[in-house]
Amino acid sequence: MLVLELVRCEYILRRKNIIALGNSGAGKTHIALSLGLAACQKGFSVAFTTAAALFHQLMEARDETRLIKLQRESQEVNLLIIDEQGNRISEERQKTGEIGVVPTGSLELASQGAF
């Protein structure tokens, strides 16, 4: 029932976030992609990335002084889907990477981790 509510994409209009937690193979990525497709069909801009790819993209942008531009571009997206896909970013890399993306739209995160 909840997924059918989310397909309406009202959470995007309200700028609410979704965090999908569960074991490997539970279908988090499948649901995230389905909700992204529904958002596209309703005319929202959607971006999909993995957590590791986003982290590396942010680190490269910081090193090349393109971080502000990348952050500005991420704010133009209505729905940013970040999928962990089993990739872990080491704690050491996280400590050295004090950078981030703050979407002004909605964020959908699929993770096996606990928060």
Protein backbone atom coordinates (compact mmCIF):
# COMPACT_ATOMS: atom_id res chain seq x y z
CA MET A 1 0.00 0.00 0.00
CA LEU A 2 2.81 2.41 0.86
CA VAL A 3 4.51 1.87 -2.52
CA LEU A 4 1.27 2.80 -4.30
CA GLU A 5 1.16 6.03 -2.30
CA LEU A 6 4.78 6.79 -3.18
CA VAL A 7 4.13 6.25 -6.90
CA ARG A 8 1.90 9.33 -6.77
CA CYS A 9 5.12 11.31 -6.08
CA GLU A 10 3.50 13.64 -3.57
CA TYR A 11 6.57 13.23 -1.35
CA ILE A 12 8.58 15.02 -4.05
CA LEU A 13 6.23 17.98 -4.02
CA ARG A 14 6.52 18.11 -0.23
CA ARG A 15 10.31 17.62 -0.45
CA LYS A 16 10.22 14.55 1.79
CA ASN A 17 12.90 11.89 1.76
CA ILE A 18 12.69 8.11 1.55
CA ILE A 19 15.12 5.71 3.18
CA ALA A 20 14.71 2.05 2.23
CA LEU A 21 16.53 -0.34 4.53
CA GLY A 22 16.65 -4.10 4.24
CA ASN A 23 18.71 -7.18 3.59
CA SER A 24 20.46 -7.84 0.31
CA GLY A 25 17.98 -9.03 -2.30
CA ALA A 26 14.95 -7.49 -0.58
CA GLY A 27 14.16 -5.34 -3.62
CA LYS A 28 15.26 -1.89 -2.42
CA THR A 29 16.96 -0.99 -5.69
CA HIS A 30 14.04 -2.30 -7.73
CA ILE A 31 11.57 -0.17 -5.78
CA ALA A 32 13.86 2.86 -5.93
CA LEU A 33 14.14 2.58 -9.72
CA SER A 34 10.39 2.06 -10.05
CA LEU A 35 9.70 5.19 -8.01
CA GLY A 36 12.25 7.07 -10.11
CA LEU A 37 10.50 5.95 -13.28
CA ALA A 38 7.14 7.04 -11.87
CA ALA A 39 8.63 10.44 -11.05
CA CYS A 40 9.99 10.77 -14.60
CA GLN A 41 6.60 9.90 -16.03
CA LYS A 42 5.10 12.69 -13.94
CA GLY A 43 7.61 15.19 -15.31
CA PHE A 44 10.06 15.36 -12.40
CA SER A 45 13.81 15.42 -12.99
CA VAL A 46 15.48 12.33 -11.53
CA ALA A 47 19.11 11.33 -11.04
CA PHE A 48 20.39 7.89 -9.99
CA THR A 49 23.83 7.08 -8.59
CA THR A 50 25.50 4.70 -6.19
CA ALA A 51 26.84 6.02 -2.89
CA ALA A 52 30.39 5.07 -3.87
CA ALA A 53 30.14 6.74 -7.29
CA LEU A 54 28.72 9.91 -5.74
CA PHE A 55 31.46 9.99 -3.14
CA HIS A 56 34.19 9.58 -5.76
CA GLN A 57 32.54 12.21 -7.99
CA LEU A 58 32.48 14.64 -5.07
CA MET A 59 36.12 13.95 -4.19
CA GLU A 60 37.23 14.50 -7.81
CA ALA A 61 35.16 17.69 -8.06
CA ARG A 62 36.71 18.98 -4.85
CA ASP A 63 40.21 18.22 -6.11
CA GLU A 64 39.49 19.98 -9.41
CA THR A 65 37.70 22.94 -7.76
CA ARG A 66 34.39 22.02 -9.41
CA LEU A 67 32.60 21.19 -6.17
CA ILE A 68 30.35 24.26 -6.08
CA LYS A 69 29.25 23.63 -9.67
CA LEU A 70 28.49 19.98 -8.89
CA GLN A 71 26.52 20.95 -5.79
CA ARG A 72 24.56 23.52 -7.78
CA GLU A 73 23.75 20.92 -10.46
CA SER A 74 22.52 18.46 -7.82
CA GLN A 75 20.10 21.07 -6.51
CA GLU A 76 18.38 21.22 -9.91
CA VAL A 77 17.21 17.61 -9.56
CA ASN A 78 13.75 16.97 -8.10
CA LEU A 79 14.61 13.42 -6.98
CA LEU A 80 18.11 12.12 -6.28
CA ILE A 81 18.28 8.33 -5.84
CA ILE A 82 21.41 7.07 -4.08
CA ASP A 83 21.84 3.31 -3.98
CA GLU A 84 24.39 1.69 -1.75
CA GLN A 85 24.43 -1.55 -3.82
CA GLY A 86 26.66 -3.28 -1.30
CA ASN A 87 29.48 -0.80 -1.81
CA ARG A 88 30.93 0.52 1.41
CA ILE A 89 32.98 3.67 1.56
CA SER A 90 35.78 3.16 4.05
CA GLU A 91 35.59 5.14 7.29
CA GLU A 92 38.98 6.66 6.51
CA ARG A 93 37.76 7.96 3.13
CA GLN A 94 34.62 9.32 4.79
CA LYS A 95 36.72 11.22 7.36
CA THR A 96 38.87 12.84 4.68
CA GLY A 97 35.88 13.72 2.50
CA GLU A 98 34.12 16.50 4.39
CA ILE A 99 31.99 17.38 1.40
CA GLY A 100 28.46 16.69 0.37
CA VAL A 101 25.46 17.21 -1.82
CA VAL A 102 22.40 18.82 -0.36
CA PRO A 103 19.52 18.32 -2.78
CA THR A 104 16.77 20.90 -2.61
CA GLY A 105 14.30 18.29 -3.85
CA SER A 106 13.71 14.80 -2.47
CA LEU A 107 16.26 12.15 -1.67
CA GLU A 108 15.74 8.40 -1.94
CA LEU A 109 18.34 6.19 -0.31
CA ALA A 110 18.47 2.40 -0.54
CA SER A 111 20.84 0.86 1.98
CA GLN A 112 21.62 -2.34 3.83
CA GLY A 113 23.11 -0.32 6.70
CA ALA A 114 21.48 0.82 9.91
CA PHE A 115 21.03 4.47 10.74
